[in-house]
Amino acid sequence: MRRVLVLMVTLGIFVGAAYAHNGMQHIMGTITSITDATIMVKATDGSTQTVLLTADTKYFAGTETITVKAIKVGDHVVIHATKTGDHFTAAEVKIGAMRMKGMADE
């Protein structure tokens, strides 16, 4: 009975977390390149990920809305993205001056 209870609580936590992020995945790191259509991010583990940008992508610096043109290579970023197959598409791109754990100056 205790195992069933633990399983139910664990599942509730994971379902709640997925619901809270609306099925989005987070991509965090440093921007290594950006175009009108894509943004490439180097994560703290050294891996890189290319994320597609669309007309619906929203851009923020803190709580302030910005344009894609305000984003620069070297900015620290958190991207909320949906995954379709092997591709990520950005819903929100958030840049900030805060240092993320594990990020080295480049």
Protein backbone atom coordinates (compact mmCIF):
# COMPACT_ATOMS: atom_id res chain seq x y z
CA MET A 1 0.00 0.00 0.00
CA ARG A 2 2.84 2.37 0.82
CA ARG A 3 4.42 1.77 -2.61
CA VAL A 4 1.16 2.68 -4.32
CA LEU A 5 0.95 5.90 -2.32
CA VAL A 6 4.56 6.82 -3.14
CA LEU A 7 3.93 6.07 -6.82
CA MET A 8 0.80 8.25 -6.86
CA VAL A 9 2.61 11.16 -5.20
CA THR A 10 5.56 10.85 -7.60
CA LEU A 11 3.29 10.77 -10.64
CA GLY A 12 1.39 13.77 -9.31
CA ILE A 13 4.61 15.75 -9.03
CA PHE A 14 5.69 14.92 -12.59
CA VAL A 15 2.26 15.63 -14.06
CA GLY A 16 2.11 18.92 -12.16
CA ALA A 17 5.55 19.92 -13.42
CA ALA A 18 4.64 19.10 -17.02
CA TYR A 19 1.37 21.01 -16.73
CA ALA A 20 3.13 24.01 -15.18
CA HIS A 21 5.43 24.25 -18.20
CA ASN A 22 2.65 23.54 -20.71
CA GLY A 23 4.72 20.71 -22.15
CA MET A 24 7.60 23.09 -22.88
CA GLN A 25 11.23 22.16 -22.54
CA HIS A 26 13.88 24.54 -21.26
CA ILE A 27 17.12 25.17 -23.11
CA MET A 28 19.62 27.18 -21.06
CA GLY A 29 23.08 28.43 -21.92
CA THR A 30 25.02 31.03 -23.88
CA ILE A 31 24.04 32.18 -27.36
CA THR A 32 26.72 31.23 -29.89
CA SER A 33 24.87 32.41 -33.01
CA ILE A 34 21.56 33.97 -33.96
CA THR A 35 19.75 34.60 -37.25
CA ASP A 36 16.19 35.63 -38.08
CA ALA A 37 15.25 31.93 -38.21
CA THR A 38 17.41 30.17 -35.58
CA ILE A 39 19.30 30.61 -32.36
CA MET A 40 22.18 28.34 -31.31
CA VAL A 41 22.83 27.81 -27.59
CA LYS A 42 25.84 26.27 -25.88
CA ALA A 43 24.68 24.60 -22.66
CA THR A 44 26.61 24.41 -19.40
CA ASP A 45 27.54 20.79 -20.24
CA GLY A 46 29.19 21.92 -23.48
CA SER A 47 26.50 20.58 -25.81
CA THR A 48 24.92 22.84 -28.44
CA GLN A 49 21.31 23.08 -29.52
CA THR A 50 19.77 24.91 -32.46
CA VAL A 51 16.28 26.29 -31.83
CA LEU A 52 13.90 27.52 -34.52
CA LEU A 53 12.42 31.02 -34.20
CA THR A 54 8.98 31.91 -35.58
CA ALA A 55 6.80 34.98 -35.94
CA ASP A 56 5.06 33.85 -32.73
CA THR A 57 8.28 33.67 -30.63
CA LYS A 58 8.31 36.22 -27.80
CA TYR A 59 11.52 37.83 -26.52
CA PHE A 60 12.25 39.16 -23.03
CA ALA A 61 15.08 40.76 -21.05
CA GLY A 62 13.93 40.19 -17.49
CA THR A 63 10.26 41.19 -17.57
CA GLU A 64 10.72 43.71 -20.40
CA THR A 65 9.59 42.76 -23.90
CA ILE A 66 12.36 43.17 -26.49
CA THR A 67 12.89 42.41 -30.18
CA VAL A 68 15.09 39.69 -31.60
CA LYS A 69 17.51 42.40 -32.76
CA ALA A 70 18.32 43.18 -29.09
CA ILE A 71 19.73 39.68 -28.58
CA LYS A 72 23.49 39.26 -29.06
CA VAL A 73 25.99 36.42 -29.26
CA GLY A 74 27.30 35.85 -25.72
CA ASP A 75 23.99 36.62 -23.99
CA HIS A 76 22.86 34.11 -21.37
CA VAL A 77 19.49 32.68 -22.30
CA VAL A 78 16.63 30.47 -21.19
CA ILE A 79 14.42 29.30 -24.03
CA HIS A 80 10.99 27.76 -23.50
CA ALA A 81 10.49 25.53 -26.53
CA THR A 82 8.29 22.82 -27.93
CA LYS A 83 9.88 19.73 -29.42
CA THR A 84 8.62 18.18 -32.63
CA GLY A 85 10.67 15.21 -33.73
CA ASP A 86 14.30 16.30 -33.44
CA HIS A 87 13.54 20.03 -33.70
CA PHE A 88 12.91 22.63 -31.01
CA THR A 89 10.76 25.70 -31.72
CA ALA A 90 11.01 28.66 -29.35
CA ALA A 91 7.87 30.02 -27.73
CA GLU A 92 9.83 32.41 -25.45
CA VAL A 93 13.44 33.53 -25.41
CA LYS A 94 14.54 35.15 -22.16
CA ILE A 95 17.94 36.80 -21.88
CA GLY A 96 19.50 38.17 -18.72
CA ALA A 97 22.64 39.49 -17.13
CA MET A 98 22.48 37.00 -14.28
CA ARG A 99 25.26 34.42 -14.21
CA MET A 100 23.97 30.89 -14.53
CA LYS A 101 25.63 28.18 -12.49
CA GLY A 102 28.39 26.52 -14.49
CA MET A 103 28.68 29.29 -17.07
CA ALA A 104 32.24 30.41 -17.79
CA ASP A 105 33.18 33.79 -19.24
CA GLU A 106 33.83 33.40 -22.92
